[in-house]
Amino acid sequence: MGTPGVRTWIAVALALLTVLPTTRAALSQARGAAGWFRVSWALSPDGVGSRISGDVFNDSPYRVTNVRLEIEGLNGDSGSVGRASAWVFGDIRPGGRTFFAAEPIPGSISYRVNVVSWDVVSLGEAP
């Protein structure tokens, strides 16, 4: 049996590129729920209007980047009045935190903020 050809390696690489994003999305939901991330936020006045701002804490053993949040606006009965996405700023080292800010969702008096996706940069501190 001979060694795999270039076409075989390209086919394997393309298959992995197709599977990995789906796997990462599923992993992000499962691990996020298992406690990889914590989010704190507040609705703060900012002179002209207001904004939702807060921190994302990385409790995982990985340096992560491209962390995306889903922000759900809630009314007085805790019913959803809208959703928005936001990105956090920069990489987050293990045990670290970073900042985010977003526009308020009209009609909301409270919010639910969750990490919905991220990319792993490395294990530990090193980039």
N, C-alpha and C. Protein backbone atom coordinates (compact mmCIF):
# COMPACT_ATOMS: atom_id res chain seq x y z
N MET A 1 0.85 -1.16 0.00
CA MET A 1 0.00 0.00 0.00
C MET A 1 0.89 1.23 0.00
N GLY A 2 0.65 2.19 -0.89
CA GLY A 2 1.48 3.40 -1.01
C GLY A 2 1.04 4.48 -0.04
N THR A 3 1.81 5.55 -0.02
CA THR A 3 1.47 6.69 0.83
C THR A 3 0.35 7.50 0.19
N PRO A 4 -0.46 8.16 1.00
CA PRO A 4 -1.56 8.94 0.46
C PRO A 4 -1.04 10.06 -0.41
N GLY A 5 -1.76 10.35 -1.46
CA GLY A 5 -1.38 11.42 -2.37
C GLY A 5 -1.85 12.78 -1.88
N VAL A 6 -1.44 13.79 -2.61
CA VAL A 6 -1.80 15.17 -2.27
C VAL A 6 -3.31 15.35 -2.29
N ARG A 7 -3.97 14.74 -3.27
CA ARG A 7 -5.43 14.87 -3.35
C ARG A 7 -6.12 14.30 -2.12
N THR A 8 -5.61 13.21 -1.60
CA THR A 8 -6.18 12.62 -0.39
C THR A 8 -6.03 13.57 0.79
N TRP A 9 -4.85 14.17 0.92
CA TRP A 9 -4.62 15.12 2.03
C TRP A 9 -5.51 16.35 1.90
N ILE A 10 -5.71 16.83 0.69
CA ILE A 10 -6.59 17.98 0.47
C ILE A 10 -8.03 17.61 0.84
N ALA A 11 -8.47 16.42 0.46
CA ALA A 11 -9.82 15.97 0.79
C ALA A 11 -10.01 15.88 2.31
N VAL A 12 -9.01 15.37 3.01
CA VAL A 12 -9.08 15.27 4.47
C VAL A 12 -9.13 16.66 5.09
N ALA A 13 -8.30 17.57 4.61
CA ALA A 13 -8.28 18.94 5.14
C ALA A 13 -9.63 19.62 4.92
N LEU A 14 -10.21 19.48 3.74
CA LEU A 14 -11.51 20.09 3.46
C LEU A 14 -12.60 19.49 4.34
N ALA A 15 -12.53 18.19 4.57
CA ALA A 15 -13.52 17.54 5.44
C ALA A 15 -13.40 18.09 6.86
N LEU A 16 -12.18 18.26 7.35
CA LEU A 16 -11.99 18.81 8.69
C LEU A 16 -12.49 20.25 8.78
N LEU A 17 -12.25 21.05 7.77
CA LEU A 17 -12.73 22.43 7.77
C LEU A 17 -14.25 22.49 7.80
N THR A 18 -14.89 21.50 7.21
CA THR A 18 -16.35 21.45 7.22
C THR A 18 -16.87 21.03 8.59
N VAL A 19 -16.20 20.09 9.25
CA VAL A 19 -16.66 19.56 10.53
C VAL A 19 -16.30 20.45 11.71
N LEU A 20 -15.11 21.05 11.71
CA LEU A 20 -14.65 21.80 12.88
C LEU A 20 -15.55 22.96 13.29
N PRO A 21 -16.04 23.81 12.37
CA PRO A 21 -16.91 24.89 12.83
C PRO A 21 -18.17 24.38 13.53
N THR A 22 -18.76 23.30 13.02
CA THR A 22 -19.94 22.72 13.65
C THR A 22 -19.59 22.18 15.03
N THR A 23 -18.45 21.51 15.13
CA THR A 23 -18.02 20.95 16.40
C THR A 23 -17.76 22.07 17.40
N ARG A 24 -17.10 23.15 16.97
CA ARG A 24 -16.80 24.25 17.87
C ARG A 24 -18.09 24.89 18.38
N ALA A 25 -19.09 25.05 17.52
CA ALA A 25 -20.36 25.66 17.95
C ALA A 25 -21.03 24.78 19.00
N ALA A 26 -21.04 23.48 18.78
CA ALA A 26 -21.63 22.58 19.76
C ALA A 26 -20.83 22.59 21.05
N LEU A 27 -19.50 22.61 20.91
CA LEU A 27 -18.63 22.63 22.08
C LEU A 27 -18.84 23.92 22.86
N SER A 28 -18.99 25.04 22.16
CA SER A 28 -19.15 26.31 22.86
C SER A 28 -20.42 26.31 23.71
N GLN A 29 -21.48 25.75 23.19
CA GLN A 29 -22.72 25.72 23.96
C GLN A 29 -22.59 24.77 25.15
N ALA A 30 -21.99 23.61 24.94
CA ALA A 30 -21.87 22.64 26.03
C ALA A 30 -20.89 23.13 27.09
N ARG A 31 -19.72 23.61 26.70
CA ARG A 31 -18.71 24.06 27.65
C ARG A 31 -19.12 25.35 28.33
N GLY A 32 -19.77 26.27 27.58
CA GLY A 32 -20.23 27.52 28.19
C GLY A 32 -21.20 27.22 29.32
N ALA A 33 -22.10 26.29 29.09
CA ALA A 33 -23.06 25.90 30.12
C ALA A 33 -22.35 25.18 31.27
N ALA A 34 -21.23 24.53 30.98
CA ALA A 34 -20.50 23.79 32.01
C ALA A 34 -19.59 24.70 32.83
N GLY A 35 -19.54 25.99 32.52
CA GLY A 35 -18.81 26.90 33.36
C GLY A 35 -17.47 27.40 32.83
N TRP A 36 -17.25 27.39 31.53
CA TRP A 36 -16.01 27.94 30.99
C TRP A 36 -15.98 29.45 31.08
N PHE A 37 -17.16 30.09 31.03
CA PHE A 37 -17.22 31.55 31.03
C PHE A 37 -18.26 32.05 32.02
N ARG A 38 -17.98 33.22 32.58
CA ARG A 38 -18.96 33.94 33.39
C ARG A 38 -19.07 35.35 32.81
N VAL A 39 -20.28 35.90 32.87
CA VAL A 39 -20.50 37.24 32.34
C VAL A 39 -21.13 38.10 33.44
N SER A 40 -20.57 39.28 33.66
CA SER A 40 -21.21 40.26 34.53
C SER A 40 -21.50 41.49 33.68
N TRP A 41 -22.61 42.14 33.93
CA TRP A 41 -22.98 43.30 33.12
C TRP A 41 -23.78 44.28 33.95
N ALA A 42 -23.87 45.49 33.43
CA ALA A 42 -24.69 46.53 34.05
C ALA A 42 -25.18 47.46 32.95
N LEU A 43 -26.32 48.05 33.16
CA LEU A 43 -26.85 49.06 32.26
C LEU A 43 -26.40 50.39 32.84
N SER A 44 -25.49 51.05 32.14
CA SER A 44 -24.91 52.26 32.71
C SER A 44 -25.19 53.47 31.84
N PRO A 45 -25.48 54.61 32.47
CA PRO A 45 -25.67 55.84 31.70
C PRO A 45 -24.34 56.26 31.08
N ASP A 46 -24.43 56.82 29.89
CA ASP A 46 -23.18 57.20 29.23
C ASP A 46 -23.26 58.61 28.65
N GLY A 47 -23.99 59.49 29.29
CA GLY A 47 -24.06 60.87 28.83
C GLY A 47 -25.25 61.13 27.93
N VAL A 48 -25.25 60.54 26.74
CA VAL A 48 -26.32 60.77 25.77
C VAL A 48 -27.44 59.77 25.95
N GLY A 49 -27.12 58.55 26.17
CA GLY A 49 -28.11 57.48 26.33
C GLY A 49 -27.63 56.53 27.40
N SER A 50 -27.65 55.28 27.07
CA SER A 50 -27.14 54.28 27.99
C SER A 50 -26.52 53.16 27.17
N ARG A 51 -25.86 52.27 27.86
CA ARG A 51 -25.26 51.11 27.19
C ARG A 51 -25.21 49.95 28.17
N ILE A 52 -25.10 48.77 27.60
CA ILE A 52 -24.89 47.56 28.38
C ILE A 52 -23.39 47.34 28.35
N SER A 53 -22.77 47.23 29.48
CA SER A 53 -21.34 46.98 29.51
C SER A 53 -21.03 46.02 30.64
N GLY A 54 -19.92 45.33 30.48
CA GLY A 54 -19.56 44.37 31.50
C GLY A 54 -18.28 43.65 31.17
N ASP A 55 -18.08 42.53 31.84
CA ASP A 55 -16.88 41.73 31.69
C ASP A 55 -17.24 40.28 31.40
N VAL A 56 -16.36 39.63 30.63
CA VAL A 56 -16.44 38.19 30.41
C VAL A 56 -15.21 37.59 31.09
N PHE A 57 -15.43 36.63 31.98
CA PHE A 57 -14.37 35.95 32.72
C PHE A 57 -14.14 34.58 32.08
N ASN A 58 -12.88 34.26 31.83
CA ASN A 58 -12.51 32.99 31.21
C ASN A 58 -12.05 32.03 32.29
N ASP A 59 -12.89 31.06 32.64
CA ASP A 59 -12.56 30.05 33.63
C ASP A 59 -12.01 28.77 32.99
N SER A 60 -11.78 28.80 31.69
CA SER A 60 -11.25 27.62 31.00
C SER A 60 -9.72 27.60 31.11
N PRO A 61 -9.10 26.47 30.74
CA PRO A 61 -7.64 26.41 30.74
C PRO A 61 -7.03 26.96 29.44
N TYR A 62 -7.85 27.57 28.57
CA TYR A 62 -7.40 28.00 27.25
C TYR A 62 -7.41 29.52 27.10
N ARG A 63 -6.44 30.03 26.34
CA ARG A 63 -6.49 31.42 25.88
C ARG A 63 -7.48 31.41 24.72
N VAL A 64 -8.46 32.32 24.74
CA VAL A 64 -9.49 32.35 23.72
C VAL A 64 -9.56 33.72 23.06
N THR A 65 -10.11 33.75 21.87
CA THR A 65 -10.31 34.99 21.13
C THR A 65 -11.62 34.90 20.36
N ASN A 66 -12.01 35.98 19.71
CA ASN A 66 -13.24 36.02 18.91
C ASN A 66 -14.45 35.57 19.74
N VAL A 67 -14.53 36.03 20.98
CA VAL A 67 -15.62 35.66 21.86
C VAL A 67 -16.85 36.48 21.48
N ARG A 68 -17.93 35.78 21.17
CA ARG A 68 -19.18 36.44 20.76
C ARG A 68 -20.25 36.21 21.81
N LEU A 69 -20.99 37.26 22.10
CA LEU A 69 -22.06 37.22 23.09
C LEU A 69 -23.42 37.33 22.41
N GLU A 70 -24.42 36.71 23.02
CA GLU A 70 -25.81 36.95 22.65
C GLU A 70 -26.43 37.71 23.82
N ILE A 71 -27.01 38.85 23.50
CA ILE A 71 -27.65 39.68 24.52
C ILE A 71 -29.15 39.64 24.24
N GLU A 72 -29.91 39.18 25.21
CA GLU A 72 -31.36 39.10 25.07
C GLU A 72 -31.99 40.14 25.99
N GLY A 73 -32.78 41.03 25.40
CA GLY A 73 -33.50 42.03 26.16
C GLY A 73 -34.77 41.44 26.74
N LEU A 74 -35.05 41.74 28.00
CA LEU A 74 -36.21 41.18 28.70
C LEU A 74 -37.13 42.30 29.17
N ASN A 75 -38.44 42.06 29.10
CA ASN A 75 -39.42 43.02 29.61
C ASN A 75 -39.70 42.73 31.09
N GLY A 76 -40.70 43.40 31.66
CA GLY A 76 -41.03 43.24 33.07
C GLY A 76 -41.47 41.85 33.46
N ASP A 77 -41.99 41.08 32.50
CA ASP A 77 -42.43 39.70 32.77
C ASP A 77 -41.36 38.68 32.40
N SER A 78 -40.12 39.15 32.19
CA SER A 78 -39.00 38.30 31.75
C SER A 78 -39.22 37.69 30.38
N GLY A 79 -40.09 38.31 29.58
CA GLY A 79 -40.28 37.88 28.20
C GLY A 79 -39.28 38.57 27.30
N SER A 80 -38.89 37.88 26.25
CA SER A 80 -37.90 38.41 25.32
C SER A 80 -38.51 39.51 24.45
N VAL A 81 -37.80 40.64 24.34
CA VAL A 81 -38.24 41.72 23.47
C VAL A 81 -37.27 41.93 22.31
N GLY A 82 -36.18 41.20 22.30
CA GLY A 82 -35.22 41.31 21.20
C GLY A 82 -33.88 40.72 21.58
N ARG A 83 -33.06 40.51 20.56
CA ARG A 83 -31.73 39.94 20.75
C ARG A 83 -30.72 40.74 19.94
N ALA A 84 -29.50 40.74 20.42
CA ALA A 84 -28.39 41.37 19.71
C ALA A 84 -27.13 40.57 19.98
N SER A 85 -26.14 40.76 19.12
CA SER A 85 -24.84 40.11 19.32
C SER A 85 -23.81 41.18 19.61
N ALA A 86 -22.77 40.78 20.33
CA ALA A 86 -21.66 41.69 20.62
C ALA A 86 -20.38 40.85 20.70
N TRP A 87 -19.27 41.51 20.44
CA TRP A 87 -17.96 40.87 20.55
C TRP A 87 -17.24 41.44 21.75
N VAL A 88 -16.47 40.62 22.44
CA VAL A 88 -15.63 41.14 23.52
C VAL A 88 -14.32 41.63 22.92
N PHE A 89 -13.58 42.44 23.68
CA PHE A 89 -12.36 43.04 23.17
C PHE A 89 -11.16 42.16 23.47
N GLY A 90 -10.42 41.77 22.44
CA GLY A 90 -9.15 41.07 22.58
C GLY A 90 -9.25 39.61 23.00
N ASP A 91 -8.08 39.04 23.26
CA ASP A 91 -7.96 37.67 23.76
C ASP A 91 -8.25 37.67 25.26
N ILE A 92 -8.64 36.51 25.76
CA ILE A 92 -8.80 36.35 27.20
C ILE A 92 -7.93 35.17 27.64
N ARG A 93 -6.97 35.45 28.52
CA ARG A 93 -6.09 34.39 29.02
C ARG A 93 -6.87 33.54 30.03
N PRO A 94 -6.41 32.33 30.34
CA PRO A 94 -7.06 31.53 31.37
C PRO A 94 -7.08 32.29 32.70
N GLY A 95 -8.22 32.33 33.33
CA GLY A 95 -8.35 33.05 34.59
C GLY A 95 -8.50 34.56 34.41
N GLY A 96 -8.50 35.02 33.18
CA GLY A 96 -8.57 36.46 32.90
C GLY A 96 -9.97 36.92 32.57
N ARG A 97 -10.05 38.20 32.22
CA ARG A 97 -11.33 38.79 31.84
C ARG A 97 -11.09 39.88 30.81
N THR A 98 -12.14 40.24 30.13
CA THR A 98 -12.10 41.34 29.19
C THR A 98 -13.45 42.03 29.17
N PHE A 99 -13.49 43.17 28.53
CA PHE A 99 -14.62 44.09 28.55
C PHE A 99 -15.49 43.94 27.30
N PHE A 100 -16.77 44.25 27.42
CA PHE A 100 -17.66 44.38 26.26
C PHE A 100 -18.62 45.53 26.51
N ALA A 101 -19.17 46.05 25.43
CA ALA A 101 -20.19 47.10 25.49
C ALA A 101 -21.12 46.93 24.31
N ALA A 102 -22.39 47.26 24.52
CA ALA A 102 -23.39 47.14 23.45
C ALA A 102 -24.49 48.16 23.67
N GLU A 103 -25.19 48.46 22.60
CA GLU A 103 -26.34 49.35 22.68
C GLU A 103 -27.48 48.64 23.40
N PRO A 104 -28.30 49.38 24.14
CA PRO A 104 -29.46 48.75 24.79
C PRO A 104 -30.49 48.32 23.74
N ILE A 105 -31.30 47.36 24.10
CA ILE A 105 -32.37 46.87 23.22
C ILE A 105 -33.65 47.59 23.63
N PRO A 106 -34.30 48.30 22.69
CA PRO A 106 -35.50 49.06 23.03
C PRO A 106 -36.57 48.19 23.69
N GLY A 107 -37.18 48.71 24.75
CA GLY A 107 -38.24 48.00 25.46
C GLY A 107 -37.75 47.07 26.55
N SER A 108 -36.42 46.97 26.72
CA SER A 108 -35.85 46.06 27.72
C SER A 108 -35.68 46.77 29.05
N ILE A 109 -35.96 46.04 30.12
CA ILE A 109 -35.65 46.57 31.46
C ILE A 109 -34.58 45.72 32.13
N SER A 110 -34.30 44.54 31.55
CA SER A 110 -33.25 43.67 32.05
C SER A 110 -32.68 42.90 30.86
N TYR A 111 -31.60 42.18 31.11
CA TYR A 111 -30.93 41.46 30.02
C TYR A 111 -30.44 40.10 30.48
N ARG A 112 -30.30 39.21 29.50
CA ARG A 112 -29.65 37.92 29.70
C ARG A 112 -28.49 37.92 28.70
N VAL A 113 -27.26 37.73 29.20
CA VAL A 113 -26.08 37.79 28.34
C VAL A 113 -25.35 36.46 28.44
N ASN A 114 -25.10 35.82 27.29
CA ASN A 114 -24.44 34.51 27.25
C ASN A 114 -23.34 34.49 26.20
N VAL A 115 -22.27 33.77 26.48
CA VAL A 115 -21.22 33.50 25.50
C VAL A 115 -21.76 32.42 24.57
N VAL A 116 -21.73 32.70 23.25
CA VAL A 116 -22.27 31.72 22.30
C VAL A 116 -21.20 31.11 21.39
N SER A 117 -20.04 31.77 21.26
CA SER A 117 -18.98 31.16 20.46
C SER A 117 -17.64 31.80 20.80
N TRP A 118 -16.56 31.08 20.47
CA TRP A 118 -15.21 31.56 20.68
C TRP A 118 -14.26 30.68 19.91
N ASP A 119 -13.02 31.15 19.77
CA ASP A 119 -11.95 30.37 19.16
C ASP A 119 -10.86 30.16 20.19
N VAL A 120 -10.35 28.94 20.28
CA VAL A 120 -9.24 28.63 21.17
C VAL A 120 -7.94 29.04 20.49
N VAL A 121 -7.11 29.80 21.22
CA VAL A 121 -5.82 30.22 20.70
C VAL A 121 -4.75 29.22 21.13
N SER A 122 -4.71 28.91 22.44
CA SER A 122 -3.70 27.99 22.95
C SER A 122 -4.09 27.51 24.34
N LEU A 123 -3.42 26.49 24.80
CA LEU A 123 -3.56 26.00 26.16
C LEU A 123 -2.66 26.85 27.05
N GLY A 124 -3.19 27.41 28.10
CA GLY A 124 -2.37 28.20 29.02
C GLY A 124 -2.19 29.63 28.57
N GLU A 125 -1.11 30.23 29.04
CA GLU A 125 -0.84 31.65 28.85
C GLU A 125 -0.30 32.01 27.48
N ALA A 126 0.55 31.19 26.90
CA ALA A 126 1.25 31.55 25.67
C ALA A 126 0.29 31.72 24.51
N PRO A 127 0.48 32.76 23.68
CA PRO A 127 -0.39 32.94 22.50
C PRO A 127 -0.14 31.92 21.43
